[in-house]
Amino acid sequence: MKKLFDIIKRVIISGFLLYGYNLIAVNFNMILPINFITLLSITFLGAPALLALVLFKILIL
């Protein structure tokens, strides 16, 4: 039960982290969509996944 609450807590924190990034990035037109893939990657890999997604968006687009 404790593991389930820990995972739910990490998903919620990841959602807030991604939303906070999008609030800042709207000025630079670098918004990342809040969807299942981005949320799970940030949940399980942490802040480096957010950085990797941003760099991926810069390099591809």
N, C-alpha and C. Protein backbone atom coordinates (compact mmCIF):
# COMPACT_ATOMS: atom_id res chain seq x y z
N MET A 1 0.82 -1.18 0.00
CA MET A 1 0.00 0.00 0.00
C MET A 1 0.88 1.26 0.00
N LYS A 2 1.98 1.21 0.74
CA LYS A 2 2.88 2.35 0.81
C LYS A 2 3.52 2.62 -0.56
N LYS A 3 3.85 1.58 -1.30
CA LYS A 3 4.42 1.74 -2.64
C LYS A 3 3.44 2.43 -3.58
N LEU A 4 2.16 2.07 -3.48
CA LEU A 4 1.13 2.67 -4.32
C LEU A 4 1.01 4.16 -4.03
N PHE A 5 1.00 4.55 -2.77
CA PHE A 5 0.92 5.96 -2.42
C PHE A 5 2.17 6.71 -2.87
N ASP A 6 3.32 6.06 -2.80
CA ASP A 6 4.56 6.69 -3.26
C ASP A 6 4.52 6.94 -4.76
N ILE A 7 4.02 5.99 -5.52
CA ILE A 7 3.92 6.16 -6.97
C ILE A 7 2.92 7.25 -7.32
N ILE A 8 1.78 7.27 -6.64
CA ILE A 8 0.77 8.31 -6.88
C ILE A 8 1.34 9.68 -6.55
N LYS A 9 2.08 9.78 -5.46
CA LYS A 9 2.69 11.05 -5.07
C LYS A 9 3.69 11.52 -6.12
N ARG A 10 4.48 10.60 -6.67
CA ARG A 10 5.46 10.97 -7.70
C ARG A 10 4.78 11.41 -8.99
N VAL A 11 3.66 10.77 -9.34
CA VAL A 11 2.92 11.18 -10.54
C VAL A 11 2.37 12.59 -10.37
N ILE A 12 1.84 12.89 -9.21
CA ILE A 12 1.28 14.22 -8.95
C ILE A 12 2.39 15.28 -8.96
N ILE A 13 3.51 14.99 -8.35
CA ILE A 13 4.63 15.93 -8.34
C ILE A 13 5.16 16.13 -9.75
N SER A 14 5.22 15.07 -10.53
CA SER A 14 5.67 15.19 -11.92
C SER A 14 4.72 16.04 -12.74
N GLY A 15 3.44 15.90 -12.51
CA GLY A 15 2.46 16.73 -13.21
C GLY A 15 2.63 18.19 -12.88
N PHE A 16 2.84 18.50 -11.61
CA PHE A 16 3.07 19.89 -11.21
C PHE A 16 4.38 20.43 -11.78
N LEU A 17 5.41 19.59 -11.82
CA LEU A 17 6.70 20.00 -12.39
C LEU A 17 6.56 20.32 -13.87
N LEU A 18 5.85 19.47 -14.59
CA LEU A 18 5.64 19.71 -16.02
C LEU A 18 4.75 20.93 -16.26
N TYR A 19 3.75 21.11 -15.43
CA TYR A 19 2.89 22.28 -15.56
C TYR A 19 3.67 23.56 -15.25
N GLY A 20 4.51 23.53 -14.23
CA GLY A 20 5.34 24.68 -13.90
C GLY A 20 6.32 25.01 -15.01
N TYR A 21 6.89 23.98 -15.61
CA TYR A 21 7.79 24.22 -16.74
C TYR A 21 7.02 24.88 -17.88
N ASN A 22 5.81 24.40 -18.16
CA ASN A 22 5.02 24.96 -19.25
C ASN A 22 4.63 26.41 -18.99
N LEU A 23 4.42 26.77 -17.73
CA LEU A 23 4.12 28.17 -17.42
C LEU A 23 5.30 29.08 -17.75
N ILE A 24 6.50 28.60 -17.52
CA ILE A 24 7.70 29.39 -17.84
C ILE A 24 8.00 29.34 -19.33
N ALA A 25 7.82 28.19 -19.95
CA ALA A 25 8.22 27.98 -21.34
C ALA A 25 7.26 28.59 -22.34
N VAL A 26 6.09 29.02 -21.92
CA VAL A 26 5.14 29.61 -22.85
C VAL A 26 5.70 30.88 -23.47
N ASN A 27 6.55 31.59 -22.76
CA ASN A 27 7.17 32.80 -23.29
C ASN A 27 8.15 32.49 -24.42
N PHE A 28 8.74 31.30 -24.41
CA PHE A 28 9.75 30.92 -25.40
C PHE A 28 9.20 29.97 -26.46
N ASN A 29 7.91 29.69 -26.40
CA ASN A 29 7.24 28.78 -27.33
C ASN A 29 7.88 27.38 -27.31
N MET A 30 8.16 26.89 -26.12
CA MET A 30 8.78 25.57 -25.93
C MET A 30 7.93 24.68 -25.03
N ILE A 31 6.64 24.68 -25.24
CA ILE A 31 5.72 23.94 -24.39
C ILE A 31 5.82 22.44 -24.67
N LEU A 32 5.87 21.65 -23.61
CA LEU A 32 5.80 20.20 -23.71
C LEU A 32 4.37 19.77 -23.36
N PRO A 33 3.79 18.89 -24.13
CA PRO A 33 2.42 18.46 -23.82
C PRO A 33 2.39 17.63 -22.54
N ILE A 34 1.34 17.80 -21.78
CA ILE A 34 1.15 16.98 -20.59
C ILE A 34 0.31 15.79 -21.02
N ASN A 35 0.98 14.70 -21.34
CA ASN A 35 0.29 13.48 -21.73
C ASN A 35 0.90 12.29 -20.99
N PHE A 36 0.41 11.11 -21.32
CA PHE A 36 0.80 9.90 -20.60
C PHE A 36 2.30 9.63 -20.70
N ILE A 37 2.86 9.79 -21.87
CA ILE A 37 4.27 9.46 -22.08
C ILE A 37 5.18 10.43 -21.34
N THR A 38 4.93 11.72 -21.46
CA THR A 38 5.79 12.69 -20.78
C THR A 38 5.65 12.59 -19.26
N LEU A 39 4.43 12.38 -18.81
CA LEU A 39 4.21 12.28 -17.36
C LEU A 39 4.89 11.04 -16.78
N LEU A 40 4.78 9.91 -17.45
CA LEU A 40 5.43 8.71 -16.93
C LEU A 40 6.94 8.78 -17.03
N SER A 41 7.47 9.39 -18.07
CA SER A 41 8.92 9.49 -18.17
C SER A 41 9.48 10.38 -17.06
N ILE A 42 8.80 11.47 -16.76
CA ILE A 42 9.26 12.34 -15.68
C ILE A 42 9.03 11.68 -14.32
N THR A 43 7.97 10.89 -14.20
CA THR A 43 7.71 10.20 -12.94
C THR A 43 8.81 9.21 -12.60
N PHE A 44 9.20 8.41 -13.56
CA PHE A 44 10.15 7.35 -13.26
C PHE A 44 11.61 7.76 -13.43
N LEU A 45 11.89 8.78 -14.25
CA LEU A 45 13.27 9.19 -14.46
C LEU A 45 13.63 10.50 -13.77
N GLY A 46 12.63 11.25 -13.36
CA GLY A 46 12.88 12.47 -12.60
C GLY A 46 13.15 13.68 -13.47
N ALA A 47 13.77 14.68 -12.87
CA ALA A 47 14.05 15.94 -13.55
C ALA A 47 14.98 15.79 -14.76
N PRO A 48 15.93 14.85 -14.77
CA PRO A 48 16.72 14.68 -15.99
C PRO A 48 15.88 14.30 -17.22
N ALA A 49 14.76 13.64 -17.01
CA ALA A 49 13.87 13.32 -18.13
C ALA A 49 13.24 14.58 -18.68
N LEU A 50 12.92 15.53 -17.81
CA LEU A 50 12.37 16.81 -18.28
C LEU A 50 13.42 17.54 -19.11
N LEU A 51 14.64 17.55 -18.65
CA LEU A 51 15.72 18.17 -19.40
C LEU A 51 15.94 17.47 -20.74
N ALA A 52 15.88 16.15 -20.75
CA ALA A 52 16.05 15.40 -22.00
C ALA A 52 14.91 15.69 -22.97
N LEU A 53 13.69 15.79 -22.47
CA LEU A 53 12.56 16.11 -23.34
C LEU A 53 12.69 17.52 -23.94
N VAL A 54 13.16 18.45 -23.14
CA VAL A 54 13.36 19.81 -23.64
C VAL A 54 14.46 19.83 -24.69
N LEU A 55 15.56 19.16 -24.44
CA LEU A 55 16.65 19.11 -25.43
C LEU A 55 16.20 18.38 -26.70
N PHE A 56 15.40 17.35 -26.56
CA PHE A 56 14.88 16.65 -27.71
C PHE A 56 13.99 17.57 -28.54
N LYS A 57 13.18 18.36 -27.87
CA LYS A 57 12.32 19.29 -28.60
C LYS A 57 13.15 20.37 -29.30
N ILE A 58 14.20 20.84 -28.67
CA ILE A 58 15.06 21.85 -29.29
C ILE A 58 15.77 21.29 -30.52
N LEU A 59 16.27 20.07 -30.40
CA LEU A 59 17.02 19.49 -31.51
C LEU A 59 16.13 19.07 -32.67
N ILE A 60 14.95 18.59 -32.40
CA ILE A 60 14.05 18.11 -33.45
C ILE A 60 13.30 19.26 -34.11
N LEU A 61 12.80 20.18 -33.32
CA LEU A 61 12.01 21.28 -33.88
C LEU A 61 12.84 22.48 -33.88
